[in-house]
Amino acid sequence: MNSFSLIKTDYKRYIATGAKNPIKIIFFNQSFWATSWFRLINGIYFSVRKIPIIRSLVGLLGMIVLKISQIFVGISIPIGTKIGKGLFISHSGTIIINSNSIIGDNCNIAPMTIIGWGKSEGEFGVPTIGDRVWIGPGAKIFGPITIGNDVAIGANAVVNKPIPDNAVVVSNNKIVNYNSSKEYIKF
């Protein structure tokens, strides 16, 4: 998908979750701004990646724009991060995503979330997150782990072990049931 198609699917997620006024979403929703800038810069960067001098220039300018966005909004999504369509960030404020992380389609990310590099079962790496995953406020997800599809990760959970499809995770990798994230994900 191109950048504009991805922005459109992100926008539809905001509408699906109850936002009624397109002007408020486009002009006043800081989370939508951050994801839109990321989508645009990432799209340009990957479309020129085979032309070294232009790739370097776009990469430098992109990092500056994304850093300014991060300062004002608190959301850090580096160039090169692979994020599927329909990303929904509920509120702005301290979200850090490692550039090597992979996030699937139609995921929700709440503030104070870190998706990053770490150690799990003796290995170092970053997470791969499936489709339709709801990540609650303050969640920390790290290490070379896979989070399945339709998973709900509770507020302040620390996840550094693989999580199967449909699991609801709280605390420190504790699966409490398999009721999935379907009640939390609207699209």
Protein backbone atom coordinates (compact mmCIF):
# COMPACT_ATOMS: atom_id res chain seq x y z
CA MET A 1 0.00 0.00 0.00
CA ASN A 2 1.18 3.53 -0.65
CA SER A 3 1.43 6.21 2.05
CA PHE A 4 -1.90 7.84 1.27
CA SER A 5 -3.76 4.52 1.34
CA LEU A 6 -2.21 3.74 4.72
CA ILE A 7 -3.16 7.19 6.07
CA LYS A 8 -6.69 6.63 4.80
CA THR A 9 -6.97 3.28 6.63
CA ASP A 10 -5.57 4.90 9.79
CA TYR A 11 -8.15 7.70 9.46
CA LYS A 12 -10.96 5.14 9.12
CA ARG A 13 -9.88 3.59 12.44
CA TYR A 14 -10.36 6.96 14.18
CA ILE A 15 -13.85 7.21 12.67
CA ALA A 16 -14.64 3.60 13.70
CA THR A 17 -13.63 4.30 17.29
CA GLY A 18 -16.12 7.13 17.65
CA ALA A 19 -14.48 10.30 16.32
CA LYS A 20 -17.22 12.13 14.45
CA ASN A 21 -15.61 15.32 13.15
CA PRO A 22 -13.06 14.90 10.31
CA ILE A 23 -11.67 18.40 10.96
CA LYS A 24 -10.85 17.47 14.55
CA ILE A 25 -9.11 14.27 13.46
CA ILE A 26 -7.06 15.84 10.67
CA PHE A 27 -6.16 19.15 12.32
CA PHE A 28 -6.29 18.56 16.07
CA ASN A 29 -5.54 14.89 16.75
CA GLN A 30 -1.84 14.74 17.57
CA SER A 31 -1.68 10.95 17.33
CA PHE A 32 -3.08 11.09 13.80
CA TRP A 33 -0.50 13.76 12.91
CA ALA A 34 2.36 11.61 14.17
CA THR A 35 1.25 8.50 12.30
CA SER A 36 0.53 10.49 9.12
CA TRP A 37 3.99 12.09 9.13
CA PHE A 38 5.50 8.66 9.71
CA ARG A 39 3.50 7.15 6.83
CA LEU A 40 4.48 9.95 4.42
CA ILE A 41 8.18 9.93 5.26
CA ASN A 42 8.41 6.14 5.34
CA GLY A 43 6.69 5.94 1.94
CA ILE A 44 9.04 8.49 0.36
CA TYR A 45 12.09 6.87 1.95
CA PHE A 46 11.25 3.41 0.61
CA SER A 47 10.30 4.71 -2.84
CA VAL A 48 13.77 6.29 -3.28
CA ARG A 49 15.82 3.72 -1.36
CA LYS A 50 17.67 2.53 -4.48
CA ILE A 51 19.07 6.01 -5.19
CA PRO A 52 21.77 6.42 -2.48
CA ILE A 53 22.17 10.22 -2.44
CA ILE A 54 18.43 10.90 -2.49
CA ARG A 55 17.82 8.16 0.09
CA SER A 56 20.35 9.81 2.40
CA LEU A 57 18.80 13.25 1.92
CA VAL A 58 15.25 11.98 2.46
CA GLY A 59 16.45 9.97 5.47
CA LEU A 60 18.06 13.03 7.06
CA LEU A 61 15.09 15.33 6.40
CA GLY A 62 12.71 12.59 7.52
CA MET A 63 14.56 12.09 10.79
CA ILE A 64 14.38 15.84 11.46
CA VAL A 65 10.63 15.98 10.76
CA LEU A 66 9.93 12.89 12.86
CA LYS A 67 12.10 14.23 15.71
CA ILE A 68 10.15 17.52 15.70
CA SER A 69 6.93 15.50 15.71
CA GLN A 70 8.28 13.41 18.61
CA ILE A 71 9.13 16.53 20.62
CA PHE A 72 5.64 17.98 20.22
CA VAL A 73 3.59 14.78 20.35
CA GLY A 74 5.73 12.30 22.29
CA ILE A 75 5.38 9.49 19.76
CA SER A 76 8.62 7.99 18.41
CA ILE A 77 8.20 5.86 15.29
CA PRO A 78 11.49 5.76 13.35
CA ILE A 79 11.83 5.54 9.58
CA GLY A 80 11.84 1.92 8.44
CA THR A 81 9.46 0.58 11.07
CA LYS A 82 7.05 -1.90 9.49
CA ILE A 83 3.51 -1.12 10.58
CA GLY A 84 0.43 -2.55 8.88
CA LYS A 85 -2.65 -0.65 7.83
CA GLY A 86 -5.16 0.80 10.26
CA LEU A 87 -2.88 1.92 13.10
CA PHE A 88 -4.81 3.63 15.90
CA ILE A 89 -3.03 5.50 18.69
CA SER A 90 -5.61 6.52 21.27
CA HIS A 91 -3.77 9.54 22.73
CA SER A 92 -0.46 11.26 22.25
CA GLY A 93 2.21 10.86 24.89
CA THR A 94 5.33 8.76 25.18
CA ILE A 95 5.10 5.91 22.74
CA ILE A 96 8.45 4.46 21.68
CA ILE A 97 8.70 1.85 18.92
CA ASN A 98 11.97 0.26 17.83
CA SER A 99 12.63 0.65 14.09
CA ASN A 100 13.10 -3.11 13.65
CA SER A 101 9.77 -4.01 15.26
CA ILE A 102 6.95 -5.29 13.08
CA ILE A 103 3.36 -4.37 13.89
CA GLY A 104 0.41 -5.95 12.07
CA ASP A 105 -2.85 -4.53 10.72
CA ASN A 106 -5.52 -2.72 12.77
CA CYS A 107 -3.58 -2.48 16.03
CA ASN A 108 -4.31 -0.07 18.89
CA ILE A 109 -1.48 1.44 20.91
CA ALA A 110 -2.11 3.42 24.10
CA PRO A 111 0.20 6.04 25.67
CA MET A 112 3.26 5.19 27.77
CA THR A 113 3.95 2.11 25.63
CA ILE A 114 7.38 0.83 24.68
CA ILE A 115 7.90 -1.74 21.94
CA GLY A 116 11.61 -2.35 21.88
CA TRP A 117 14.82 -4.24 21.87
CA GLY A 118 15.51 -6.59 24.73
CA LYS A 119 16.31 -10.09 25.89
CA SER A 120 14.00 -13.07 26.00
CA GLU A 121 15.02 -16.64 26.68
CA GLY A 122 18.71 -15.86 26.13
CA GLU A 123 18.23 -14.07 22.80
CA PHE A 124 18.26 -10.35 22.00
CA GLY A 125 15.91 -8.74 19.48
CA VAL A 126 12.61 -6.95 18.92
CA PRO A 127 8.96 -8.04 18.87
CA THR A 128 6.76 -9.01 15.97
CA ILE A 129 3.18 -8.08 16.77
CA GLY A 130 0.24 -9.71 14.95
CA ASP A 131 -2.98 -8.23 13.58
CA ARG A 132 -5.74 -6.67 15.69
CA VAL A 133 -3.62 -6.41 18.84
CA TRP A 134 -4.76 -4.02 21.57
CA ILE A 135 -1.86 -2.66 23.64
CA GLY A 136 -2.95 -0.99 26.87
CA PRO A 137 -1.43 2.08 28.55
CA GLY A 138 2.02 1.60 29.98
CA ALA A 139 2.67 -1.77 28.35
CA LYS A 140 6.30 -2.76 27.77
CA ILE A 141 6.91 -5.33 25.01
CA PHE A 142 10.48 -6.35 24.28
CA GLY A 143 12.71 -9.12 23.04
CA PRO A 144 12.63 -11.37 19.96
CA ILE A 145 9.08 -12.53 20.60
CA THR A 146 5.92 -12.97 18.57
CA ILE A 147 2.62 -11.62 19.77
CA GLY A 148 -0.23 -13.51 18.06
CA ASN A 149 -3.30 -12.13 16.33
CA ASP A 150 -6.27 -10.76 18.31
CA VAL A 151 -4.27 -10.39 21.53
CA ALA A 152 -5.14 -7.88 24.27
CA ILE A 153 -2.22 -6.67 26.38
CA GLY A 154 -3.37 -5.04 29.62
CA ALA A 155 -2.27 -1.77 31.15
CA ASN A 156 1.28 -1.81 32.55
CA ALA A 157 1.89 -5.39 31.38
CA VAL A 158 5.48 -6.46 30.80
CA VAL A 159 5.67 -8.89 27.91
CA ASN A 160 8.93 -10.61 26.96
CA LYS A 161 7.66 -14.09 26.10
CA PRO A 162 5.73 -15.25 23.00
CA ILE A 163 1.95 -14.82 23.32
CA PRO A 164 -0.47 -17.08 21.38
CA ASP A 165 -3.47 -15.87 19.33
CA ASN A 166 -6.54 -14.59 21.22
CA ALA A 167 -4.77 -14.33 24.59
CA VAL A 168 -5.45 -11.61 27.14
CA VAL A 169 -2.19 -10.77 28.93
CA VAL A 170 -1.72 -8.86 32.19
CA SER A 171 1.09 -8.24 34.63
CA ASN A 172 4.30 -10.10 33.76
CA ASN A 173 3.45 -12.40 30.79
CA LYS A 174 0.40 -13.73 32.65
CA ILE A 175 -2.34 -15.00 30.31
CA VAL A 176 -5.68 -14.69 32.09
CA ASN A 177 -7.99 -15.96 29.34
CA TYR A 178 -8.45 -16.36 25.59
CA ASN A 179 -11.30 -13.87 25.08
CA SER A 180 -9.19 -11.98 22.48
CA SER A 181 -9.04 -8.28 21.65
CA LYS A 182 -12.20 -8.26 19.53
CA GLU A 183 -14.16 -6.04 21.94
CA TYR A 184 -11.39 -3.42 21.87
CA ILE A 185 -10.57 -3.26 18.15
CA LYS A 186 -13.01 -1.32 15.95
CA PHE A 187 -12.52 -1.07 12.19
